[in-house]
Amino acid sequence: MQAGTQTAADMKIPKHELFESKFEGIFKTNYRTSHNAANRAGYHSGLE
């Protein structure tokens, strides 16, 4: 990513993790709840 050659697929994990982090902070939830919310919102990590 530092070289600026990332693809859309490379951005899946960071977007997923950012959503999880913000969701946990706003709603004071646990990891599993925020993970499921990220997936429902369309931010799949591509690791499952």
PDB file of N, CA and C in Angstrom:
ATOM      1  N   MET A   1       0.814  -1.189   0.000  1.00  0.00           N
ATOM      2  CA  MET A   1       0.000   0.000   0.000  1.00  0.00           C
ATOM      3  C   MET A   1       0.859   1.255   0.000  1.00  0.00           C
ATOM      4  N   GLN A   2       2.004   1.159   0.594  1.00  0.00           N
ATOM      5  CA  GLN A   2       2.865   2.323   0.646  1.00  0.00           C
ATOM      6  C   GLN A   2       3.270   2.785  -0.751  1.00  0.00           C
ATOM      7  N   ALA A   3       3.420   1.842  -1.666  1.00  0.00           N
ATOM      8  CA  ALA A   3       3.811   2.177  -3.028  1.00  0.00           C
ATOM      9  C   ALA A   3       2.642   2.725  -3.843  1.00  0.00           C
ATOM     10  N   GLY A   4       1.429   2.611  -3.307  1.00  0.00           N
ATOM     11  CA  GLY A   4       0.262   3.119  -4.002  1.00  0.00           C
ATOM     12  C   GLY A   4      -0.267   2.187  -5.079  1.00  0.00           C
ATOM     13  N   THR A   5       0.082   0.922  -4.975  1.00  0.00           N
ATOM     14  CA  THR A   5      -0.345  -0.039  -5.996  1.00  0.00           C
ATOM     15  C   THR A   5      -1.420  -0.987  -5.482  1.00  0.00           C
ATOM     16  N   GLN A   6      -2.120  -0.598  -4.426  1.00  0.00           N
ATOM     17  CA  GLN A   6      -3.139  -1.473  -3.860  1.00  0.00           C
ATOM     18  C   GLN A   6      -4.333  -1.609  -4.784  1.00  0.00           C
ATOM     19  N   THR A   7      -4.999  -2.719  -4.632  1.00  0.00           N
ATOM     20  CA  THR A   7      -6.207  -2.982  -5.406  1.00  0.00           C
ATOM     21  C   THR A   7      -7.418  -2.835  -4.489  1.00  0.00           C
ATOM     22  N   ALA A   8      -8.596  -2.909  -5.072  1.00  0.00           N
ATOM     23  CA  ALA A   8      -9.821  -2.847  -4.264  1.00  0.00           C
ATOM     24  C   ALA A   8      -9.846  -3.995  -3.259  1.00  0.00           C
ATOM     25  N   ALA A   9      -9.365  -5.163  -3.666  1.00  0.00           N
ATOM     26  CA  ALA A   9      -9.335  -6.321  -2.763  1.00  0.00           C
ATOM     27  C   ALA A   9      -8.398  -6.072  -1.575  1.00  0.00           C
ATOM     28  N   ASP A  10      -7.304  -5.353  -1.812  1.00  0.00           N
ATOM     29  CA  ASP A  10      -6.363  -5.047  -0.730  1.00  0.00           C
ATOM     30  C   ASP A  10      -6.989  -4.148   0.327  1.00  0.00           C
ATOM     31  N   MET A  11      -7.993  -3.396  -0.044  1.00  0.00           N
ATOM     32  CA  MET A  11      -8.611  -2.448   0.872  1.00  0.00           C
ATOM     33  C   MET A  11      -9.742  -3.048   1.688  1.00  0.00           C
ATOM     34  N   LYS A  12     -10.109  -4.297   1.431  1.00  0.00           N
ATOM     35  CA  LYS A  12     -11.210  -4.924   2.156  1.00  0.00           C
ATOM     36  C   LYS A  12     -10.935  -5.013   3.653  1.00  0.00           C
ATOM     37  N   ILE A  13      -9.774  -5.510   4.031  1.00  0.00           N
ATOM     38  CA  ILE A  13      -9.475  -5.698   5.451  1.00  0.00           C
ATOM     39  C   ILE A  13      -9.421  -4.359   6.192  1.00  0.00           C
ATOM     40  N   PRO A  14      -8.679  -3.349   5.689  1.00  0.00           N
ATOM     41  CA  PRO A  14      -8.668  -2.077   6.422  1.00  0.00           C
ATOM     42  C   PRO A  14     -10.054  -1.452   6.576  1.00  0.00           C
ATOM     43  N   LYS A  15     -10.871  -1.516   5.533  1.00  0.00           N
ATOM     44  CA  LYS A  15     -12.221  -0.944   5.629  1.00  0.00           C
ATOM     45  C   LYS A  15     -13.064  -1.710   6.638  1.00  0.00           C
ATOM     46  N   HIS A  16     -12.937  -3.039   6.636  1.00  0.00           N
ATOM     47  CA  HIS A  16     -13.664  -3.883   7.582  1.00  0.00           C
ATOM     48  C   HIS A  16     -13.237  -3.537   9.015  1.00  0.00           C
ATOM     49  N   GLU A  17     -11.946  -3.461   9.237  1.00  0.00           N
ATOM     50  CA  GLU A  17     -11.427  -3.180  10.581  1.00  0.00           C
ATOM     51  C   GLU A  17     -11.808  -1.780  11.051  1.00  0.00           C
ATOM     52  N   LEU A  18     -11.793  -0.815  10.160  1.00  0.00           N
ATOM     53  CA  LEU A  18     -12.188   0.548  10.536  1.00  0.00           C
ATOM     54  C   LEU A  18     -13.651   0.590  10.943  1.00  0.00           C
ATOM     55  N   PHE A  19     -14.499  -0.092  10.169  1.00  0.00           N
ATOM     56  CA  PHE A  19     -15.915  -0.139  10.513  1.00  0.00           C
ATOM     57  C   PHE A  19     -16.086  -0.769  11.898  1.00  0.00           C
ATOM     58  N   GLU A  20     -15.423  -1.909  12.123  1.00  0.00           N
ATOM     59  CA  GLU A  20     -15.524  -2.588  13.427  1.00  0.00           C
ATOM     60  C   GLU A  20     -15.115  -1.660  14.561  1.00  0.00           C
ATOM     61  N   SER A  21     -14.002  -0.999  14.388  1.00  0.00           N
ATOM     62  CA  SER A  21     -13.485  -0.120  15.435  1.00  0.00           C
ATOM     63  C   SER A  21     -14.454   1.011  15.746  1.00  0.00           C
ATOM     64  N   LYS A  22     -14.965   1.649  14.713  1.00  0.00           N
ATOM     65  CA  LYS A  22     -15.912   2.747  14.932  1.00  0.00           C
ATOM     66  C   LYS A  22     -17.201   2.241  15.560  1.00  0.00           C
ATOM     67  N   PHE A  23     -17.686   1.100  15.097  1.00  0.00           N
ATOM     68  CA  PHE A  23     -18.922   0.527  15.624  1.00  0.00           C
ATOM     69  C   PHE A  23     -18.767   0.207  17.114  1.00  0.00           C
ATOM     70  N   GLU A  24     -17.643  -0.435  17.465  1.00  0.00           N
ATOM     71  CA  GLU A  24     -17.391  -0.765  18.874  1.00  0.00           C
ATOM     72  C   GLU A  24     -17.349   0.493  19.725  1.00  0.00           C
ATOM     73  N   GLY A  25     -16.687   1.533  19.228  1.00  0.00           N
ATOM     74  CA  GLY A  25     -16.567   2.765  19.993  1.00  0.00           C
ATOM     75  C   GLY A  25     -17.897   3.478  20.177  1.00  0.00           C
ATOM     76  N   ILE A  26     -18.693   3.524  19.138  1.00  0.00           N
ATOM     77  CA  ILE A  26     -19.973   4.234  19.206  1.00  0.00           C
ATOM     78  C   ILE A  26     -20.983   3.476  20.051  1.00  0.00           C
ATOM     79  N   PHE A  27     -21.090   2.159  19.806  1.00  0.00           N
ATOM     80  CA  PHE A  27     -22.135   1.379  20.456  1.00  0.00           C
ATOM     81  C   PHE A  27     -21.653   0.586  21.668  1.00  0.00           C
ATOM     82  N   LYS A  28     -20.358   0.692  21.988  1.00  0.00           N
ATOM     83  CA  LYS A  28     -19.781   0.004  23.164  1.00  0.00           C
ATOM     84  C   LYS A  28     -20.093  -1.492  23.137  1.00  0.00           C
ATOM     85  N   THR A  29     -19.819  -2.114  21.988  1.00  0.00           N
ATOM     86  CA  THR A  29     -20.103  -3.531  21.811  1.00  0.00           C
ATOM     87  C   THR A  29     -18.820  -4.342  21.869  1.00  0.00           C
ATOM     88  N   ASN A  30     -18.973  -5.651  21.783  1.00  0.00           N
ATOM     89  CA  ASN A  30     -17.816  -6.532  21.741  1.00  0.00           C
ATOM     90  C   ASN A  30     -17.394  -6.771  20.292  1.00  0.00           C
ATOM     91  N   TYR A  31     -16.297  -7.509  20.146  1.00  0.00           N
ATOM     92  CA  TYR A  31     -15.756  -7.765  18.806  1.00  0.00           C
ATOM     93  C   TYR A  31     -16.748  -8.494  17.912  1.00  0.00           C
ATOM     94  N   ARG A  32     -17.351  -9.553  18.405  1.00  0.00           N
ATOM     95  CA  ARG A  32     -18.229 -10.382  17.563  1.00  0.00           C
ATOM     96  C   ARG A  32     -19.402  -9.563  17.036  1.00  0.00           C
ATOM     97  N   THR A  33     -19.985  -8.746  17.880  1.00  0.00           N
ATOM     98  CA  THR A  33     -21.120  -7.917  17.460  1.00  0.00           C
ATOM     99  C   THR A  33     -20.691  -6.927  16.383  1.00  0.00           C
ATOM    100  N   SER A  34     -19.556  -6.284  16.578  1.00  0.00           N
ATOM    101  CA  SER A  34     -19.095  -5.312  15.587  1.00  0.00           C
ATOM    102  C   SER A  34     -18.650  -6.002  14.299  1.00  0.00           C
ATOM    103  N   HIS A  35     -18.076  -7.187  14.405  1.00  0.00           N
ATOM    104  CA  HIS A  35     -17.672  -7.959  13.230  1.00  0.00           C
ATOM    105  C   HIS A  35     -18.902  -8.313  12.394  1.00  0.00           C
ATOM    106  N   ASN A  36     -19.923  -8.810  13.040  1.00  0.00           N
ATOM    107  CA  ASN A  36     -21.154  -9.161  12.330  1.00  0.00           C
ATOM    108  C   ASN A  36     -21.799  -7.930  11.704  1.00  0.00           C
ATOM    109  N   ALA A  37     -21.759  -6.803  12.403  1.00  0.00           N
ATOM    110  CA  ALA A  37     -22.327  -5.564  11.870  1.00  0.00           C
ATOM    111  C   ALA A  37     -21.554  -5.118  10.630  1.00  0.00           C
ATOM    112  N   ALA A  38     -20.239  -5.236  10.654  1.00  0.00           N
ATOM    113  CA  ALA A  38     -19.424  -4.869   9.489  1.00  0.00           C
ATOM    114  C   ALA A  38     -19.800  -5.725   8.289  1.00  0.00           C
ATOM    115  N   ASN A  39     -19.964  -7.001   8.515  1.00  0.00           N
ATOM    116  CA  ASN A  39     -20.352  -7.892   7.419  1.00  0.00           C
ATOM    117  C   ASN A  39     -21.735  -7.547   6.887  1.00  0.00           C
ATOM    118  N   ARG A  40     -22.683  -7.280   7.791  1.00  0.00           N
ATOM    119  CA  ARG A  40     -24.039  -6.922   7.360  1.00  0.00           C
ATOM    120  C   ARG A  40     -24.044  -5.621   6.560  1.00  0.00           C
ATOM    121  N   ALA A  41     -23.128  -4.721   6.909  1.00  0.00           N
ATOM    122  CA  ALA A  41     -23.051  -3.427   6.222  1.00  0.00           C
ATOM    123  C   ALA A  41     -22.307  -3.526   4.889  1.00  0.00           C
ATOM    124  N   GLY A  42     -21.799  -4.712   4.570  1.00  0.00           N
ATOM    125  CA  GLY A  42     -21.114  -4.897   3.293  1.00  0.00           C
ATOM    126  C   GLY A  42     -19.610  -4.759   3.350  1.00  0.00           C
ATOM    127  N   TYR A  43     -19.068  -4.616   4.542  1.00  0.00           N
ATOM    128  CA  TYR A  43     -17.618  -4.493   4.701  1.00  0.00           C
ATOM    129  C   TYR A  43     -17.029  -5.859   5.077  1.00  0.00           C
ATOM    130  N   HIS A  44     -17.021  -6.757   4.109  1.00  0.00           N
ATOM    131  CA  HIS A  44     -16.477  -8.089   4.337  1.00  0.00           C
ATOM    132  C   HIS A  44     -14.956  -8.035   4.277  1.00  0.00           C
ATOM    133  N   SER A  45     -14.315  -8.780   5.158  1.00  0.00           N
ATOM    134  CA  SER A  45     -12.858  -8.762   5.187  1.00  0.00           C
ATOM    135  C   SER A  45     -12.247  -9.615   4.085  1.00  0.00           C
ATOM    136  N   GLY A  46     -13.008 -10.568   3.593  1.00  0.00           N
ATOM    137  CA  GLY A  46     -12.479 -11.468   2.583  1.00  0.00           C
ATOM    138  C   GLY A  46     -11.710 -12.623   3.175  1.00  0.00           C
ATOM    139  N   LEU A  47     -11.670 -12.726   4.496  1.00  0.00           N
ATOM    140  CA  LEU A  47     -10.922 -13.787   5.172  1.00  0.00           C
ATOM    141  C   LEU A  47     -11.790 -14.976   5.547  1.00  0.00           C
ATOM    142  N   GLU A  48     -13.085 -14.809   5.558  1.00  0.00           N
ATOM    143  CA  GLU A  48     -13.976 -15.891   5.975  1.00  0.00           C
ATOM    144  C   GLU A  48     -14.159 -16.905   4.870  1.00  0.00           C
TER     145      GLU A  48
END
